Amino acid sequence: MKSKVEEILQQYPNAGRDSLIPILQSVQESLGFLSEESVVQVSKFLKMPASKIFGVATFYNQFRFTQPGKYHVMVCRGTACHVLGSATVLEEIEKYLKVKPGMTTKDKIFSLEVVACIGACGLAPVISINGEFHAKVTTESIQSIFETYRNREV
């Protein structure tokens, strides 16, 4: 992991505070999340306190601090999805996976995220798993959706 972050930092010679967000975005794109170790590396590189970097990163909801699961689940909570029951779908997914948004299952298979809008309003309520859309999701369809992904692991 350290070498990946070092490679990214080498792309920003003479970087200052104005490069913080692009660096964090690159690190997250490479690692899938911002680890404590990676934040410390960026901190040393930019000569900024790690606490400042965490402060900036926690302000933006685009940054994650836990490693995502193999299958990253995004639940849309946009207006169309909300009206058609995405709150109930989210509750059922939380029960089924035994995690809350922002968390990863203990087996590291699934991570859960709530998004404002996926942009697939005609499919509402919709979830995306690693970019694969599941349309008109109901509480009854959740188990079979997730079992499909679990079966891929067997």
Protein backbone atom coordinates (compact mmCIF):
# COMPACT_ATOMS: atom_id res chain seq x y z
CA MET A 1 0.00 0.00 0.00
CA LYS A 2 2.82 2.36 0.86
CA SER A 3 4.34 2.17 -2.61
CA LYS A 4 1.01 2.99 -4.28
CA VAL A 5 0.69 6.17 -2.23
CA GLU A 6 4.33 7.05 -2.92
CA GLU A 7 3.70 6.64 -6.66
CA ILE A 8 0.73 9.00 -6.43
CA LEU A 9 2.68 11.58 -4.43
CA GLN A 10 5.48 11.55 -7.02
CA GLN A 11 2.92 12.85 -9.53
CA TYR A 12 2.62 16.04 -7.46
CA PRO A 13 6.11 17.57 -7.26
CA ASN A 14 6.21 20.78 -5.24
CA ALA A 15 2.60 20.25 -4.18
CA GLY A 16 0.98 22.50 -1.63
CA ARG A 17 -2.32 22.65 0.20
CA ASP A 18 -4.14 23.31 -3.06
CA SER A 19 -3.25 19.77 -4.18
CA LEU A 20 -4.76 18.08 -1.11
CA ILE A 21 -8.16 17.14 -2.59
CA PRO A 22 -6.77 15.79 -5.89
CA ILE A 23 -4.16 13.77 -3.96
CA LEU A 24 -6.79 12.31 -1.63
CA GLN A 25 -9.00 11.48 -4.61
CA SER A 26 -6.11 9.69 -6.32
CA VAL A 27 -5.23 7.76 -3.18
CA GLN A 28 -8.83 6.66 -2.69
CA GLU A 29 -9.15 5.68 -6.34
CA SER A 30 -6.03 3.52 -5.99
CA LEU A 31 -6.69 1.97 -2.57
CA GLY A 32 -10.48 2.11 -2.49
CA PHE A 33 -10.42 4.19 0.70
CA LEU A 34 -8.24 6.52 2.75
CA SER A 35 -6.33 4.47 5.30
CA GLU A 36 -4.79 6.06 8.37
CA GLU A 37 -1.36 5.17 6.97
CA SER A 38 -2.08 6.89 3.65
CA VAL A 39 -3.28 10.06 5.40
CA VAL A 40 -0.08 10.13 7.45
CA GLN A 41 1.99 9.75 4.25
CA VAL A 42 0.11 12.63 2.60
CA SER A 43 0.53 14.64 5.79
CA LYS A 44 4.31 14.24 5.72
CA PHE A 45 4.45 14.95 1.99
CA LEU A 46 2.44 18.17 2.23
CA LYS A 47 3.95 19.14 5.60
CA MET A 48 0.46 19.42 7.09
CA PRO A 49 -0.86 17.92 10.31
CA ALA A 50 -2.73 14.66 9.73
CA SER A 51 -5.58 16.08 11.83
CA LYS A 52 -6.07 18.85 9.24
CA ILE A 53 -6.15 16.30 6.43
CA PHE A 54 -8.71 14.18 8.29
CA GLY A 55 -10.71 17.35 8.92
CA VAL A 56 -10.82 18.18 5.23
CA ALA A 57 -11.52 14.57 4.18
CA THR A 58 -14.35 14.11 6.67
CA PHE A 59 -16.00 17.31 5.44
CA TYR A 60 -16.55 15.77 1.99
CA ASN A 61 -18.78 12.71 1.83
CA GLN A 62 -16.90 11.39 -1.21
CA PHE A 63 -14.11 10.05 1.01
CA ARG A 64 -14.24 6.67 2.77
CA PHE A 65 -12.10 5.61 5.72
CA THR A 66 -12.87 1.91 5.67
CA GLN A 67 -11.97 -0.55 2.98
CA PRO A 68 -14.98 -1.23 0.76
CA GLY A 69 -16.22 -4.77 0.37
CA LYS A 70 -15.70 -6.79 -2.77
CA TYR A 71 -19.24 -5.75 -3.72
CA HIS A 72 -19.98 -2.09 -3.04
CA VAL A 73 -23.73 -1.53 -2.62
CA MET A 74 -25.16 1.92 -3.30
CA VAL A 75 -28.74 2.58 -2.28
CA CYS A 76 -30.36 5.51 -4.05
CA ARG A 77 -32.32 7.88 -1.82
CA GLY A 78 -33.26 10.39 -4.53
CA THR A 79 -36.79 11.72 -4.76
CA ALA A 80 -38.22 9.04 -7.07
CA CYS A 81 -36.59 6.23 -5.08
CA HIS A 82 -37.72 7.79 -1.80
CA VAL A 83 -41.32 8.10 -2.96
CA LEU A 84 -41.30 4.48 -4.13
CA GLY A 85 -39.90 3.02 -0.90
CA SER A 86 -36.11 3.20 -0.81
CA ALA A 87 -36.16 3.89 2.96
CA THR A 88 -37.77 0.49 3.54
CA VAL A 89 -35.35 -1.12 1.08
CA LEU A 90 -32.41 0.41 2.92
CA GLU A 91 -33.70 -0.82 6.30
CA GLU A 92 -34.08 -4.33 4.90
CA ILE A 93 -30.56 -4.29 3.40
CA GLU A 94 -29.15 -3.11 6.74
CA LYS A 95 -30.90 -6.01 8.49
CA TYR A 96 -29.83 -8.54 5.88
CA LEU A 97 -26.16 -7.46 5.78
CA LYS A 98 -26.02 -6.50 9.48
CA VAL A 99 -24.25 -3.21 8.67
CA LYS A 100 -25.13 0.46 8.51
CA PRO A 101 -24.22 2.81 5.65
CA GLY A 102 -20.49 3.48 5.57
CA MET A 103 -19.68 0.02 6.90
CA THR A 104 -18.38 -3.22 5.42
CA THR A 105 -19.60 -6.69 6.38
CA LYS A 106 -17.31 -8.74 8.63
CA ASP A 107 -16.53 -11.12 5.76
CA LYS A 108 -15.48 -8.11 3.61
CA ILE A 109 -17.91 -9.17 0.86
CA PHE A 110 -20.31 -6.19 0.97
CA SER A 111 -20.02 -2.51 1.83
CA LEU A 112 -23.03 -0.23 2.02
CA GLU A 113 -23.40 3.38 0.96
CA VAL A 114 -26.39 5.70 0.64
CA VAL A 115 -26.28 8.10 -2.31
CA ALA A 116 -28.43 11.12 -3.05
CA CYS A 117 -29.23 10.03 -6.60
CA ILE A 118 -27.96 7.33 -8.94
CA GLY A 119 -29.63 8.91 -11.95
CA ALA A 120 -31.88 5.98 -12.79
CA CYS A 121 -35.19 7.40 -11.62
CA GLY A 122 -37.24 5.28 -14.02
CA LEU A 123 -35.94 2.16 -12.24
CA ALA A 124 -36.91 3.35 -8.75
CA PRO A 125 -36.28 2.17 -6.17
CA VAL A 126 -32.84 1.20 -7.44
CA ILE A 127 -29.62 -0.10 -5.96
CA SER A 128 -26.25 -0.48 -7.63
CA ILE A 129 -23.77 -3.21 -6.77
CA ASN A 130 -20.36 -2.55 -8.34
CA GLY A 131 -22.14 -0.58 -11.06
CA GLU A 132 -24.73 -3.28 -11.82
CA PHE A 133 -28.21 -1.79 -11.41
CA HIS A 134 -31.08 -3.62 -9.74
CA ALA A 135 -34.42 -2.02 -10.58
CA LYS A 136 -37.70 -1.81 -8.70
CA VAL A 137 -36.13 -3.39 -5.63
CA THR A 138 -38.53 -4.62 -2.97
CA THR A 139 -37.96 -5.98 0.50
CA GLU A 140 -38.87 -9.38 -0.93
CA SER A 141 -36.23 -9.23 -3.69
CA ILE A 142 -33.29 -8.24 -1.48
CA GLN A 143 -32.37 -11.73 -0.27
CA SER A 144 -32.23 -13.19 -3.79
CA ILE A 145 -30.19 -10.22 -5.07
CA PHE A 146 -27.58 -10.64 -2.36
CA GLU A 147 -27.54 -14.44 -2.55
CA THR A 148 -26.60 -14.10 -6.24
CA TYR A 149 -23.46 -12.22 -5.21
CA ARG A 150 -22.71 -14.54 -2.27
CA ASN A 151 -22.97 -17.54 -4.61
CA ARG A 152 -20.26 -16.02 -6.81
CA GLU A 153 -17.93 -16.37 -3.82
CA VAL A 154 -18.50 -20.13 -3.44
